[in-house]
Amino acid sequence: WLHHADPHLRVLMDPDLGPFAACSPKDGHTAYPFDPLP
């Protein structure tokens, strides 16, 4: 929990910077608007 789940969940669930930032909790996956890192 302390060294794995908590840090990963903070990143995953971050509404501005996380990988789900463009998704809606109710509507789910949207077209992925972000390009890969250059």
PDB file of all heavy atoms in Angstrom:
ATOM      1  N   TRP A   1       0.828  -1.216   0.000  1.00  0.00           N
ATOM      2  CA  TRP A   1       0.000   0.000   0.000  1.00  0.00           C
ATOM      3  C   TRP A   1       0.859   1.260   0.000  1.00  0.00           C
ATOM      4  O   TRP A   1       0.646   2.156  -0.818  1.00  0.00           O
ATOM      5  CB  TRP A   1      -0.942   0.014   1.214  1.00  0.00           C
ATOM      6  CG  TRP A   1      -2.155  -0.836   1.027  1.00  0.00           C
ATOM      7  CD1 TRP A   1      -2.395  -2.048   1.600  1.00  0.00           C
ATOM      8  CD2 TRP A   1      -3.276  -0.566   0.185  1.00  0.00           C
ATOM      9  NE1 TRP A   1      -3.607  -2.540   1.168  1.00  0.00           N
ATOM     10  CE2 TRP A   1      -4.177  -1.647   0.311  1.00  0.00           C
ATOM     11  CE3 TRP A   1      -3.628   0.494  -0.655  1.00  0.00           C
ATOM     12  CZ2 TRP A   1      -5.388  -1.702  -0.372  1.00  0.00           C
ATOM     13  CZ3 TRP A   1      -4.835   0.443  -1.333  1.00  0.00           C
ATOM     14  CH2 TRP A   1      -5.701  -0.653  -1.185  1.00  0.00           C
ATOM     15  N   LEU A   2       1.821   1.336   0.914  1.00  0.00           N
ATOM     16  CA  LEU A   2       2.600   2.572   1.067  1.00  0.00           C
ATOM     17  C   LEU A   2       3.562   2.846  -0.080  1.00  0.00           C
ATOM     18  O   LEU A   2       3.726   3.993  -0.498  1.00  0.00           O
ATOM     19  CB  LEU A   2       3.394   2.533   2.374  1.00  0.00           C
ATOM     20  CG  LEU A   2       2.568   2.639   3.644  1.00  0.00           C
ATOM     21  CD1 LEU A   2       3.446   2.407   4.861  1.00  0.00           C
ATOM     22  CD2 LEU A   2       1.868   3.982   3.732  1.00  0.00           C
ATOM     23  N   HIS A   3       4.211   1.814  -0.585  1.00  0.00           N
ATOM     24  CA  HIS A   3       5.274   2.025  -1.563  1.00  0.00           C
ATOM     25  C   HIS A   3       4.879   1.682  -3.001  1.00  0.00           C
ATOM     26  O   HIS A   3       5.653   1.962  -3.923  1.00  0.00           O
ATOM     27  CB  HIS A   3       6.524   1.227  -1.170  1.00  0.00           C
ATOM     28  CG  HIS A   3       7.079   1.671   0.145  1.00  0.00           C
ATOM     29  ND1 HIS A   3       7.739   2.867   0.311  1.00  0.00           N
ATOM     30  CD2 HIS A   3       7.029   1.095   1.364  1.00  0.00           C
ATOM     31  CE1 HIS A   3       8.086   3.003   1.570  1.00  0.00           C
ATOM     32  NE2 HIS A   3       7.678   1.938   2.236  1.00  0.00           N
ATOM     33  N   HIS A   4       3.730   1.084  -3.187  1.00  0.00           N
ATOM     34  CA  HIS A   4       3.310   0.701  -4.530  1.00  0.00           C
ATOM     35  C   HIS A   4       1.936   1.291  -4.862  1.00  0.00           C
ATOM     36  O   HIS A   4       1.814   2.098  -5.779  1.00  0.00           O
ATOM     37  CB  HIS A   4       3.309  -0.821  -4.693  1.00  0.00           C
ATOM     38  CG  HIS A   4       4.651  -1.421  -4.484  1.00  0.00           C
ATOM     39  ND1 HIS A   4       5.595  -1.507  -5.482  1.00  0.00           N
ATOM     40  CD2 HIS A   4       5.235  -1.936  -3.370  1.00  0.00           C
ATOM     41  CE1 HIS A   4       6.696  -2.049  -5.005  1.00  0.00           C
ATOM     42  NE2 HIS A   4       6.505  -2.325  -3.724  1.00  0.00           N
ATOM     43  N   ALA A   5       0.895   0.877  -4.155  1.00  0.00           N
ATOM     44  CA  ALA A   5      -0.466   1.297  -4.492  1.00  0.00           C
ATOM     45  C   ALA A   5      -0.663   2.805  -4.358  1.00  0.00           C
ATOM     46  O   ALA A   5      -1.165   3.442  -5.292  1.00  0.00           O
ATOM     47  CB  ALA A   5      -1.474   0.553  -3.622  1.00  0.00           C
ATOM     48  N   ASP A   6      -0.299   3.371  -3.216  1.00  0.00           N
ATOM     49  CA  ASP A   6      -0.548   4.798  -3.012  1.00  0.00           C
ATOM     50  C   ASP A   6       0.106   5.671  -4.078  1.00  0.00           C
ATOM     51  O   ASP A   6      -0.582   6.506  -4.690  1.00  0.00           O
ATOM     52  CB  ASP A   6      -0.121   5.242  -1.613  1.00  0.00           C
ATOM     53  CG  ASP A   6      -1.032   4.692  -0.516  1.00  0.00           C
ATOM     54  OD1 ASP A   6      -2.140   4.217  -0.840  1.00  0.00           O
ATOM     55  OD2 ASP A   6      -0.629   4.747   0.656  1.00  0.00           O
ATOM     56  N   PRO A   7       1.400   5.507  -4.380  1.00  0.00           N
ATOM     57  CA  PRO A   7       1.986   6.359  -5.425  1.00  0.00           C
ATOM     58  C   PRO A   7       1.385   6.122  -6.814  1.00  0.00           C
ATOM     59  O   PRO A   7       1.133   7.080  -7.549  1.00  0.00           O
ATOM     60  CB  PRO A   7       3.470   5.993  -5.419  1.00  0.00           C
ATOM     61  CG  PRO A   7       3.722   5.260  -4.153  1.00  0.00           C
ATOM     62  CD  PRO A   7       2.417   4.684  -3.709  1.00  0.00           C
ATOM     63  N   HIS A   8       1.143   4.866  -7.183  1.00  0.00           N
ATOM     64  CA  HIS A   8       0.573   4.601  -8.505  1.00  0.00           C
ATOM     65  C   HIS A   8      -0.855   5.132  -8.614  1.00  0.00           C
ATOM     66  O   HIS A   8      -1.233   5.705  -9.635  1.00  0.00           O
ATOM     67  CB  HIS A   8       0.601   3.110  -8.827  1.00  0.00           C
ATOM     68  CG  HIS A   8       1.937   2.612  -9.256  1.00  0.00           C
ATOM     69  ND1 HIS A   8       2.558   3.032 -10.404  1.00  0.00           N
ATOM     70  CD2 HIS A   8       2.785   1.721  -8.674  1.00  0.00           C
ATOM     71  CE1 HIS A   8       3.725   2.434 -10.528  1.00  0.00           C
ATOM     72  NE2 HIS A   8       3.895   1.632  -9.485  1.00  0.00           N
ATOM     73  N   LEU A   9      -1.654   4.941  -7.573  1.00  0.00           N
ATOM     74  CA  LEU A   9      -3.032   5.421  -7.625  1.00  0.00           C
ATOM     75  C   LEU A   9      -3.093   6.941  -7.683  1.00  0.00           C
ATOM     76  O   LEU A   9      -3.968   7.506  -8.348  1.00  0.00           O
ATOM     77  CB  LEU A   9      -3.835   4.886  -6.440  1.00  0.00           C
ATOM     78  CG  LEU A   9      -4.146   3.394  -6.511  1.00  0.00           C
ATOM     79  CD1 LEU A   9      -4.771   2.911  -5.217  1.00  0.00           C
ATOM     80  CD2 LEU A   9      -5.038   3.074  -7.703  1.00  0.00           C
ATOM     81  N   ARG A  10      -2.172   7.629  -6.994  1.00  0.00           N
ATOM     82  CA  ARG A  10      -2.132   9.097  -7.088  1.00  0.00           C
ATOM     83  C   ARG A  10      -1.919   9.536  -8.536  1.00  0.00           C
ATOM     84  O   ARG A  10      -2.559  10.464  -9.011  1.00  0.00           O
ATOM     85  CB  ARG A  10      -1.045   9.677  -6.191  1.00  0.00           C
ATOM     86  CG  ARG A  10      -1.508   9.969  -4.781  1.00  0.00           C
ATOM     87  CD  ARG A  10      -0.501  10.815  -4.020  1.00  0.00           C
ATOM     88  NE  ARG A  10       0.765  10.146  -3.797  1.00  0.00           N
ATOM     89  CZ  ARG A  10       1.014   9.305  -2.797  1.00  0.00           C
ATOM     90  NH1 ARG A  10       0.069   9.018  -1.923  1.00  0.00           N
ATOM     91  NH2 ARG A  10       2.196   8.748  -2.676  1.00  0.00           N
ATOM     92  N   VAL A  11      -1.013   8.869  -9.230  1.00  0.00           N
ATOM     93  CA  VAL A  11      -0.748   9.220 -10.631  1.00  0.00           C
ATOM     94  C   VAL A  11      -1.923   8.807 -11.512  1.00  0.00           C
ATOM     95  O   VAL A  11      -2.413   9.594 -12.329  1.00  0.00           O
ATOM     96  CB  VAL A  11       0.561   8.570 -11.131  1.00  0.00           C
ATOM     97  CG1 VAL A  11       0.725   8.756 -12.633  1.00  0.00           C
ATOM     98  CG2 VAL A  11       1.760   9.145 -10.384  1.00  0.00           C
ATOM     99  N   LEU A  12      -2.383   7.578 -11.363  1.00  0.00           N
ATOM    100  CA  LEU A  12      -3.468   7.083 -12.210  1.00  0.00           C
ATOM    101  C   LEU A  12      -4.725   7.929 -12.096  1.00  0.00           C
ATOM    102  O   LEU A  12      -5.391   8.203 -13.096  1.00  0.00           O
ATOM    103  CB  LEU A  12      -3.801   5.628 -11.853  1.00  0.00           C
ATOM    104  CG  LEU A  12      -2.805   4.583 -12.316  1.00  0.00           C
ATOM    105  CD1 LEU A  12      -3.095   3.239 -11.644  1.00  0.00           C
ATOM    106  CD2 LEU A  12      -2.831   4.454 -13.825  1.00  0.00           C
ATOM    107  N   MET A  13      -5.064   8.348 -10.888  1.00  0.00           N
ATOM    108  CA  MET A  13      -6.329   9.032 -10.662  1.00  0.00           C
ATOM    109  C   MET A  13      -6.226  10.560 -10.700  1.00  0.00           C
ATOM    110  O   MET A  13      -7.221  11.243 -10.495  1.00  0.00           O
ATOM    111  CB  MET A  13      -6.920   8.549  -9.335  1.00  0.00           C
ATOM    112  CG  MET A  13      -7.179   7.049  -9.353  1.00  0.00           C
ATOM    113  SD  MET A  13      -7.862   6.421  -7.829  1.00  0.00           S
ATOM    114  CE  MET A  13      -9.602   6.572  -8.236  1.00  0.00           C
ATOM    115  N   ASP A  14      -5.049  11.079 -11.014  1.00  0.00           N
ATOM    116  CA  ASP A  14      -4.876  12.525 -11.105  1.00  0.00           C
ATOM    117  C   ASP A  14      -5.721  13.055 -12.269  1.00  0.00           C
ATOM    118  O   ASP A  14      -5.488  12.681 -13.420  1.00  0.00           O
ATOM    119  CB  ASP A  14      -3.409  12.878 -11.308  1.00  0.00           C
ATOM    120  CG  ASP A  14      -3.164  14.363 -11.252  1.00  0.00           C
ATOM    121  OD1 ASP A  14      -3.704  15.090 -12.115  1.00  0.00           O
ATOM    122  OD2 ASP A  14      -2.427  14.810 -10.359  1.00  0.00           O
ATOM    123  N   PRO A  15      -6.691  13.940 -11.993  1.00  0.00           N
ATOM    124  CA  PRO A  15      -7.604  14.377 -13.055  1.00  0.00           C
ATOM    125  C   PRO A  15      -6.983  15.336 -14.065  1.00  0.00           C
ATOM    126  O   PRO A  15      -7.557  15.542 -15.135  1.00  0.00           O
ATOM    127  CB  PRO A  15      -8.735  15.060 -12.284  1.00  0.00           C
ATOM    128  CG  PRO A  15      -8.096  15.531 -11.035  1.00  0.00           C
ATOM    129  CD  PRO A  15      -7.035  14.514 -10.698  1.00  0.00           C
ATOM    130  N   ASP A  16      -5.828  15.904 -13.752  1.00  0.00           N
ATOM    131  CA  ASP A  16      -5.183  16.834 -14.676  1.00  0.00           C
ATOM    132  C   ASP A  16      -4.011  16.217 -15.412  1.00  0.00           C
ATOM    133  O   ASP A  16      -3.811  16.481 -16.592  1.00  0.00           O
ATOM    134  CB  ASP A  16      -4.687  18.082 -13.929  1.00  0.00           C
ATOM    135  CG  ASP A  16      -5.827  18.900 -13.365  1.00  0.00           C
ATOM    136  OD1 ASP A  16      -6.848  19.051 -14.068  1.00  0.00           O
ATOM    137  OD2 ASP A  16      -5.708  19.378 -12.230  1.00  0.00           O
ATOM    138  N   LEU A  17      -3.210  15.403 -14.729  1.00  0.00           N
ATOM    139  CA  LEU A  17      -1.970  14.904 -15.302  1.00  0.00           C
ATOM    140  C   LEU A  17      -1.931  13.394 -15.500  1.00  0.00           C
ATOM    141  O   LEU A  17      -1.017  12.886 -16.130  1.00  0.00           O
ATOM    142  CB  LEU A  17      -0.791  15.323 -14.411  1.00  0.00           C
ATOM    143  CG  LEU A  17      -0.622  16.829 -14.208  1.00  0.00           C
ATOM    144  CD1 LEU A  17       0.466  17.111 -13.184  1.00  0.00           C
ATOM    145  CD2 LEU A  17      -0.343  17.521 -15.522  1.00  0.00           C
ATOM    146  N   GLY A  18      -2.888  12.684 -14.964  1.00  0.00           N
ATOM    147  CA  GLY A  18      -2.877  11.224 -15.053  1.00  0.00           C
ATOM    148  C   GLY A  18      -3.324  10.721 -16.414  1.00  0.00           C
ATOM    149  O   GLY A  18      -3.836  11.475 -17.247  1.00  0.00           O
ATOM    150  N   PRO A  19      -3.148   9.434 -16.662  1.00  0.00           N
ATOM    151  CA  PRO A  19      -3.499   8.865 -17.960  1.00  0.00           C
ATOM    152  C   PRO A  19      -4.997   8.894 -18.266  1.00  0.00           C
ATOM    153  O   PRO A  19      -5.390   8.749 -19.414  1.00  0.00           O
ATOM    154  CB  PRO A  19      -2.984   7.430 -17.884  1.00  0.00           C
ATOM    155  CG  PRO A  19      -2.874   7.137 -16.436  1.00  0.00           C
ATOM    156  CD  PRO A  19      -2.584   8.439 -15.757  1.00  0.00           C
ATOM    157  N   PHE A  20      -5.833   9.110 -17.256  1.00  0.00           N
ATOM    158  CA  PHE A  20      -7.279   9.167 -17.472  1.00  0.00           C
ATOM    159  C   PHE A  20      -7.805  10.599 -17.531  1.00  0.00           C
ATOM    160  O   PHE A  20      -9.014  10.826 -17.465  1.00  0.00           O
ATOM    161  CB  PHE A  20      -8.022   8.418 -16.359  1.00  0.00           C
ATOM    162  CG  PHE A  20      -7.561   7.011 -16.133  1.00  0.00           C
ATOM    163  CD1 PHE A  20      -7.427   6.524 -14.843  1.00  0.00           C
ATOM    164  CD2 PHE A  20      -7.271   6.163 -17.187  1.00  0.00           C
ATOM    165  CE1 PHE A  20      -7.022   5.212 -14.615  1.00  0.00           C
ATOM    166  CE2 PHE A  20      -6.854   4.854 -16.975  1.00  0.00           C
ATOM    167  CZ  PHE A  20      -6.730   4.386 -15.680  1.00  0.00           C
ATOM    168  N   ALA A  21      -6.925  11.587 -17.660  1.00  0.00           N
ATOM    169  CA  ALA A  21      -7.320  12.995 -17.607  1.00  0.00           C
ATOM    170  C   ALA A  21      -8.377  13.358 -18.644  1.00  0.00           C
ATOM    171  O   ALA A  21      -9.194  14.245 -18.414  1.00  0.00           O
ATOM    172  CB  ALA A  21      -6.096  13.896 -17.765  1.00  0.00           C
ATOM    173  N   ALA A  22      -8.393  12.683 -19.775  1.00  0.00           N
ATOM    174  CA  ALA A  22      -9.366  13.005 -20.818  1.00  0.00           C
ATOM    175  C   ALA A  22     -10.610  12.118 -20.752  1.00  0.00           C
ATOM    176  O   ALA A  22     -11.488  12.238 -21.594  1.00  0.00           O
ATOM    177  CB  ALA A  22      -8.716  12.872 -22.196  1.00  0.00           C
ATOM    178  N   CYS A  23     -10.690  11.250 -19.750  1.00  0.00           N
ATOM    179  CA  CYS A  23     -11.822  10.337 -19.633  1.00  0.00           C
ATOM    180  C   CYS A  23     -12.800  10.823 -18.582  1.00  0.00           C
ATOM    181  O   CYS A  23     -12.457  11.593 -17.689  1.00  0.00           O
ATOM    182  CB  CYS A  23     -11.333   8.936 -19.261  1.00  0.00           C
ATOM    183  SG  CYS A  23     -10.363   8.180 -20.557  1.00  0.00           S
ATOM    184  N   SER A  24     -13.990  10.330 -18.678  1.00  0.00           N
ATOM    185  CA  SER A  24     -15.037  10.652 -17.723  1.00  0.00           C
ATOM    186  C   SER A  24     -15.329   9.425 -16.877  1.00  0.00           C
ATOM    187  O   SER A  24     -15.484   8.325 -17.424  1.00  0.00           O
ATOM    188  CB  SER A  24     -16.301  11.071 -18.474  1.00  0.00           C
ATOM    189  OG  SER A  24     -17.421  11.019 -17.627  1.00  0.00           O
ATOM    190  N   PRO A  25     -15.434   9.595 -15.557  1.00  0.00           N
ATOM    191  CA  PRO A  25     -15.775   8.447 -14.719  1.00  0.00           C
ATOM    192  C   PRO A  25     -17.113   7.818 -15.110  1.00  0.00           C
ATOM    193  O   PRO A  25     -17.295   6.622 -14.973  1.00  0.00           O
ATOM    194  CB  PRO A  25     -15.839   9.022 -13.308  1.00  0.00           C
ATOM    195  CG  PRO A  25     -15.044  10.276 -13.365  1.00  0.00           C
ATOM    196  CD  PRO A  25     -15.176  10.791 -14.769  1.00  0.00           C
ATOM    197  N   LYS A  26     -18.048   8.619 -15.627  1.00  0.00           N
ATOM    198  CA  LYS A  26     -19.358   8.095 -16.019  1.00  0.00           C
ATOM    199  C   LYS A  26     -19.377   7.632 -17.472  1.00  0.00           C
ATOM    200  O   LYS A  26     -19.968   6.617 -17.794  1.00  0.00           O
ATOM    201  CB  LYS A  26     -20.440   9.143 -15.791  1.00  0.00           C
ATOM    202  CG  LYS A  26     -20.703   9.405 -14.331  1.00  0.00           C
ATOM    203  CD  LYS A  26     -21.829  10.368 -14.142  1.00  0.00           C
ATOM    204  CE  LYS A  26     -22.027  10.606 -12.650  1.00  0.00           C
ATOM    205  NZ  LYS A  26     -23.084  11.538 -12.377  1.00  0.00           N
ATOM    206  N   ASP A  27     -18.744   8.404 -18.348  1.00  0.00           N
ATOM    207  CA  ASP A  27     -18.809   8.097 -19.777  1.00  0.00           C
ATOM    208  C   ASP A  27     -17.656   7.232 -20.259  1.00  0.00           C
ATOM    209  O   ASP A  27     -17.678   6.731 -21.375  1.00  0.00           O
ATOM    210  CB  ASP A  27     -18.851   9.394 -20.589  1.00  0.00           C
ATOM    211  CG  ASP A  27     -20.075  10.231 -20.233  1.00  0.00           C
ATOM    212  OD1 ASP A  27     -21.130   9.641 -19.911  1.00  0.00           O
ATOM    213  OD2 ASP A  27     -19.961  11.465 -20.270  1.00  0.00           O
ATOM    214  N   GLY A  28     -16.642   7.083 -19.434  1.00  0.00           N
ATOM    215  CA  GLY A  28     -15.539   6.206 -19.767  1.00  0.00           C
ATOM    216  C   GLY A  28     -14.553   6.796 -20.745  1.00  0.00           C
ATOM    217  O   GLY A  28     -14.352   8.001 -20.804  1.00  0.00           O
ATOM    218  N   HIS A  29     -13.980   5.910 -21.520  1.00  0.00           N
ATOM    219  CA  HIS A  29     -12.890   6.238 -22.430  1.00  0.00           C
ATOM    220  C   HIS A  29     -13.363   7.141 -23.563  1.00  0.00           C
ATOM    221  O   HIS A  29     -14.383   6.892 -24.178  1.00  0.00           O
ATOM    222  CB  HIS A  29     -12.321   4.939 -22.993  1.00  0.00           C
ATOM    223  CG  HIS A  29     -11.076   5.110 -23.767  1.00  0.00           C
ATOM    224  ND1 HIS A  29      -9.871   5.391 -23.185  1.00  0.00           N
ATOM    225  CD2 HIS A  29     -10.848   5.050 -25.090  1.00  0.00           C
ATOM    226  CE1 HIS A  29      -8.947   5.484 -24.121  1.00  0.00           C
ATOM    227  NE2 HIS A  29      -9.507   5.287 -25.283  1.00  0.00           N
ATOM    228  N   THR A  30     -12.594   8.173 -23.790  1.00  0.00           N
ATOM    229  CA  THR A  30     -12.846   9.045 -24.922  1.00  0.00           C
ATOM    230  C   THR A  30     -11.668   8.912 -25.884  1.00  0.00           C
ATOM    231  O   THR A  30     -10.680   8.273 -25.567  1.00  0.00           O
ATOM    232  CB  THR A  30     -12.979  10.519 -24.468  1.00  0.00           C
ATOM    233  OG1 THR A  30     -11.775  10.900 -23.806  1.00  0.00           O
ATOM    234  CG2 THR A  30     -14.146  10.691 -23.511  1.00  0.00           C
ATOM    235  N   ALA A  31     -11.784   9.520 -27.019  1.00  0.00           N
ATOM    236  CA  ALA A  31     -10.655   9.496 -27.956  1.00  0.00           C
ATOM    237  C   ALA A  31      -9.435  10.048 -27.244  1.00  0.00           C
ATOM    238  O   ALA A  31      -9.490  11.103 -26.611  1.00  0.00           O
ATOM    239  CB  ALA A  31     -10.981  10.325 -29.188  1.00  0.00           C
ATOM    240  N   TYR A  32      -8.348   9.316 -27.304  1.00  0.00           N
ATOM    241  CA  TYR A  32      -7.138   9.716 -26.577  1.00  0.00           C
ATOM    242  C   TYR A  32      -6.537  10.953 -27.233  1.00  0.00           C
ATOM    243  O   TYR A  32      -5.997  10.860 -28.334  1.00  0.00           O
ATOM    244  CB  TYR A  32      -6.156   8.544 -26.543  1.00  0.00           C
ATOM    245  CG  TYR A  32      -5.243   8.575 -25.354  1.00  0.00           C
ATOM    246  CD1 TYR A  32      -5.750   8.514 -24.068  1.00  0.00           C
ATOM    247  CD2 TYR A  32      -3.865   8.680 -25.510  1.00  0.00           C
ATOM    248  CE1 TYR A  32      -4.920   8.546 -22.982  1.00  0.00           C
ATOM    249  CE2 TYR A  32      -3.032   8.705 -24.419  1.00  0.00           C
ATOM    250  CZ  TYR A  32      -3.566   8.644 -23.157  1.00  0.00           C
ATOM    251  OH  TYR A  32      -2.732   8.675 -22.073  1.00  0.00           O
ATOM    252  N   PRO A  33      -6.631  12.126 -26.599  1.00  0.00           N
ATOM    253  CA  PRO A  33      -6.229  13.372 -27.255  1.00  0.00           C
ATOM    254  C   PRO A  33      -4.743  13.701 -27.164  1.00  0.00           C
ATOM    255  O   PRO A  33      -4.302  14.661 -27.767  1.00  0.00           O
ATOM    256  CB  PRO A  33      -7.041  14.416 -26.490  1.00  0.00           C
ATOM    257  CG  PRO A  33      -7.112  13.862 -25.106  1.00  0.00           C
ATOM    258  CD  PRO A  33      -7.223  12.355 -25.299  1.00  0.00           C
ATOM    259  N   PHE A  34      -3.990  12.910 -26.436  1.00  0.00           N
ATOM    260  CA  PHE A  34      -2.594  13.250 -26.202  1.00  0.00           C
ATOM    261  C   PHE A  34      -1.673  12.426 -27.081  1.00  0.00           C
ATOM    262  O   PHE A  34      -1.869  11.232 -27.258  1.00  0.00           O
ATOM    263  CB  PHE A  34      -2.219  13.036 -24.729  1.00  0.00           C
ATOM    264  CG  PHE A  34      -3.168  13.704 -23.780  1.00  0.00           C
ATOM    265  CD1 PHE A  34      -3.953  12.957 -22.931  1.00  0.00           C
ATOM    266  CD2 PHE A  34      -3.290  15.087 -23.740  1.00  0.00           C
ATOM    267  CE1 PHE A  34      -4.834  13.565 -22.054  1.00  0.00           C
ATOM    268  CE2 PHE A  34      -4.166  15.704 -22.880  1.00  0.00           C
ATOM    269  CZ  PHE A  34      -4.948  14.948 -22.029  1.00  0.00           C
ATOM    270  N   ASP A  35      -0.676  13.085 -27.603  1.00  0.00           N
ATOM    271  CA  ASP A  35       0.335  12.395 -28.398  1.00  0.00           C
ATOM    272  C   ASP A  35       1.367  11.761 -27.469  1.00  0.00           C
ATOM    273  O   ASP A  35       1.546  12.212 -26.332  1.00  0.00           O
ATOM    274  CB  ASP A  35       1.055  13.383 -29.322  1.00  0.00           C
ATOM    275  CG  ASP A  35       0.132  13.913 -30.413  1.00  0.00           C
ATOM    276  OD1 ASP A  35      -0.760  13.151 -30.845  1.00  0.00           O
ATOM    277  OD2 ASP A  35       0.306  15.074 -30.812  1.00  0.00           O
ATOM    278  N   PRO A  36       2.082  10.739 -27.956  1.00  0.00           N
ATOM    279  CA  PRO A  36       3.193  10.193 -27.162  1.00  0.00           C
ATOM    280  C   PRO A  36       4.240  11.280 -26.914  1.00  0.00           C
ATOM    281  O   PRO A  36       4.286  12.289 -27.633  1.00  0.00           O
ATOM    282  CB  PRO A  36       3.763   9.088 -28.050  1.00  0.00           C
ATOM    283  CG  PRO A  36       2.695   8.772 -29.023  1.00  0.00           C
ATOM    284  CD  PRO A  36       1.902  10.023 -29.216  1.00  0.00           C
ATOM    285  N   LEU A  37       5.072  11.070 -25.924  1.00  0.00           N
ATOM    286  CA  LEU A  37       6.152  12.019 -25.658  1.00  0.00           C
ATOM    287  C   LEU A  37       7.040  12.125 -26.888  1.00  0.00           C
ATOM    288  O   LEU A  37       7.345  11.112 -27.531  1.00  0.00           O
ATOM    289  CB  LEU A  37       6.977  11.555 -24.457  1.00  0.00           C
ATOM    290  CG  LEU A  37       6.246  11.487 -23.122  1.00  0.00           C
ATOM    291  CD1 LEU A  37       7.155  10.886 -22.059  1.00  0.00           C
ATOM    292  CD2 LEU A  37       5.758  12.857 -22.700  1.00  0.00           C
ATOM    293  N   PRO A  38       7.469  13.342 -27.219  1.00  0.00           N
ATOM    294  CA  PRO A  38       8.331  13.466 -28.401  1.00  0.00           C
ATOM    295  C   PRO A  38       9.708  12.848 -28.131  1.00  0.00           C
ATOM    296  O   PRO A  38      10.247  12.973 -27.043  1.00  0.00           O
ATOM    297  CB  PRO A  38       8.437  14.974 -28.600  1.00  0.00           C
ATOM    298  CG  PRO A  38       8.080  15.576 -27.297  1.00  0.00           C
ATOM    299  CD  PRO A  38       7.187  14.612 -26.591  1.00  0.00           C
TER     300      PRO A  38
END
